[in-house]
Amino acid sequence: MKQAHQAGGWQGSLLILIPLLLLLPSFALQEERFFRKGRIGGRAMVQGAVIFGLVHGIVGIPLFAAMALIGAGFCFSLYYRSQYRKLLLGTGSTHRATLLALWPATTMHTLYNSIVVLTGYLFLLIN
């Protein structure tokens, strides 16, 4: 970040931040499809959350953060399941509820990721 700061100040670092923020919904949707779609039972939700945290650890996130993401992943699973149940009551179709529940879950996941990215950006900008 110091190189970006030296090369173009905070404006230069926006060249990285803005595209990243624009890609976050796509990233969140892919993660929701992989880790939560159709996982509405307790055991499946826990498995998805553990895999979610461990995969983030594999891609370079520190181990303590990856472990914390297991908790976040489980919270995402709870939200997905609550949306699934609402949609199941409304549509009467497990297939439609499974697919449609991805959208509010993806929105929440994107919001979470945006807060994390913006907080990290501001932290680096200040330091």
Protein backbone atom coordinates (compact mmCIF):
# COMPACT_ATOMS: atom_id res chain seq x y z
CA MET A 1 0.00 0.00 0.00
CA LYS A 2 2.93 2.33 0.64
CA GLN A 3 3.96 1.95 -3.01
CA ALA A 4 0.43 2.87 -4.11
CA HIS A 5 0.56 5.78 -1.68
CA GLN A 6 3.89 6.95 -3.11
CA ALA A 7 2.87 6.33 -6.72
CA GLY A 8 -0.45 8.13 -6.69
CA GLY A 9 -1.60 8.72 -3.17
CA TRP A 10 -4.96 7.42 -2.07
CA GLN A 11 -6.29 8.02 -5.60
CA GLY A 12 -3.94 5.36 -6.96
CA SER A 13 -5.11 2.81 -4.44
CA LEU A 14 -8.69 3.43 -5.56
CA LEU A 15 -7.71 1.78 -8.86
CA ILE A 16 -7.53 -1.45 -6.89
CA LEU A 17 -10.33 -0.82 -4.40
CA ILE A 18 -13.12 0.07 -6.83
CA PRO A 19 -12.79 -2.98 -9.11
CA LEU A 20 -12.50 -5.19 -6.03
CA LEU A 21 -15.71 -3.76 -4.56
CA LEU A 22 -17.45 -4.28 -7.90
CA LEU A 23 -16.36 -7.93 -7.96
CA LEU A 24 -17.46 -8.71 -4.39
CA PRO A 25 -21.07 -9.63 -5.30
CA SER A 26 -19.82 -12.18 -7.82
CA PHE A 27 -17.38 -13.65 -5.31
CA ALA A 28 -20.09 -13.82 -2.64
CA LEU A 29 -22.54 -15.53 -5.01
CA GLN A 30 -19.99 -18.19 -5.92
CA GLU A 31 -19.24 -18.83 -2.25
CA GLU A 32 -22.94 -19.02 -1.38
CA ARG A 33 -23.50 -21.53 -4.18
CA PHE A 34 -20.57 -23.67 -3.11
CA PHE A 35 -20.78 -23.53 0.69
CA ARG A 36 -24.47 -23.00 1.45
CA LYS A 37 -26.82 -23.82 -1.42
CA GLY A 38 -29.14 -26.57 -0.24
CA ARG A 39 -27.43 -26.99 3.15
CA ILE A 40 -30.34 -26.57 5.50
CA GLY A 41 -29.69 -29.36 8.01
CA GLY A 42 -27.53 -28.71 11.06
CA ARG A 43 -24.73 -31.13 10.16
CA ALA A 44 -24.57 -29.91 6.54
CA MET A 45 -24.48 -26.29 7.74
CA VAL A 46 -21.58 -27.00 10.12
CA GLN A 47 -19.69 -28.90 7.41
CA GLY A 48 -20.18 -26.03 4.96
CA ALA A 49 -19.01 -23.50 7.55
CA VAL A 50 -15.87 -25.50 8.40
CA ILE A 51 -15.01 -25.95 4.72
CA PHE A 52 -15.67 -22.23 4.17
CA GLY A 53 -13.16 -21.28 6.87
CA LEU A 54 -10.56 -23.83 5.84
CA VAL A 55 -10.68 -22.89 2.16
CA HIS A 56 -10.06 -19.27 3.10
CA GLY A 57 -7.07 -20.47 5.12
CA ILE A 58 -5.70 -22.31 2.09
CA VAL A 59 -5.82 -19.17 -0.06
CA GLY A 60 -3.56 -17.26 2.32
CA ILE A 61 -5.71 -15.81 5.08
CA PRO A 62 -4.01 -16.22 8.49
CA LEU A 63 -5.12 -19.29 10.42
CA PHE A 64 -6.80 -17.35 13.23
CA ALA A 65 -8.85 -15.39 10.67
CA ALA A 66 -9.78 -18.58 8.80
CA MET A 67 -10.97 -20.08 12.08
CA ALA A 68 -13.04 -16.97 12.76
CA LEU A 69 -14.53 -17.33 9.28
CA ILE A 70 -15.94 -20.70 10.33
CA GLY A 71 -18.18 -18.73 12.70
CA ALA A 72 -19.04 -16.21 10.00
CA GLY A 73 -19.76 -19.07 7.59
CA PHE A 74 -22.13 -20.63 10.09
CA CYS A 75 -23.93 -17.29 10.51
CA PHE A 76 -24.25 -17.08 6.73
CA SER A 77 -25.67 -20.62 6.78
CA LEU A 78 -28.26 -19.64 9.40
CA TYR A 79 -29.33 -16.68 7.29
CA TYR A 80 -29.53 -18.80 4.13
CA ARG A 81 -31.68 -21.36 5.98
CA SER A 82 -34.02 -18.67 7.33
CA GLN A 83 -34.49 -17.29 3.82
CA TYR A 84 -34.97 -20.79 2.43
CA ARG A 85 -37.72 -21.53 4.97
CA LYS A 86 -39.54 -18.26 4.21
CA LEU A 87 -39.37 -18.93 0.50
CA LEU A 88 -40.45 -22.54 0.92
CA LEU A 89 -43.59 -21.37 2.71
CA GLY A 90 -44.22 -18.79 -0.01
CA THR A 91 -43.49 -20.92 -3.07
CA GLY A 92 -44.15 -24.47 -1.89
CA SER A 93 -41.20 -25.55 -4.04
CA THR A 94 -37.97 -26.81 -2.51
CA HIS A 95 -36.15 -26.23 -5.81
CA ARG A 96 -37.28 -22.60 -6.10
CA ALA A 97 -36.62 -21.92 -2.41
CA THR A 98 -33.12 -23.42 -2.70
CA LEU A 99 -32.26 -21.14 -5.62
CA LEU A 100 -34.05 -17.98 -4.50
CA ALA A 101 -32.55 -18.09 -1.00
CA LEU A 102 -29.15 -17.52 -2.59
CA TRP A 103 -29.98 -13.90 -3.43
CA PRO A 104 -30.64 -12.44 0.03
CA ALA A 105 -27.79 -14.57 1.41
CA THR A 106 -25.47 -13.23 -1.30
CA THR A 107 -26.55 -9.68 -0.50
CA MET A 108 -25.71 -10.13 3.18
CA HIS A 109 -22.42 -11.82 2.34
CA THR A 110 -21.50 -8.98 -0.06
CA LEU A 111 -22.29 -6.40 2.61
CA TYR A 112 -20.08 -8.26 5.10
CA ASN A 113 -17.21 -8.52 2.58
CA SER A 114 -17.57 -4.83 1.68
CA ILE A 115 -17.29 -3.80 5.32
CA VAL A 116 -14.18 -5.97 5.75
CA VAL A 117 -12.53 -4.62 2.58
CA LEU A 118 -13.36 -0.98 3.33
CA THR A 119 -12.20 -1.32 6.93
CA GLY A 120 -8.93 -2.84 5.75
CA TYR A 121 -8.52 -0.11 3.14
CA LEU A 122 -9.10 2.65 5.69
CA PHE A 123 -6.71 1.00 8.14
CA LEU A 124 -3.97 0.84 5.51
CA LEU A 125 -4.70 4.37 4.37
CA ILE A 126 -4.34 5.74 7.89
CA ASN A 127 -1.11 3.86 8.53
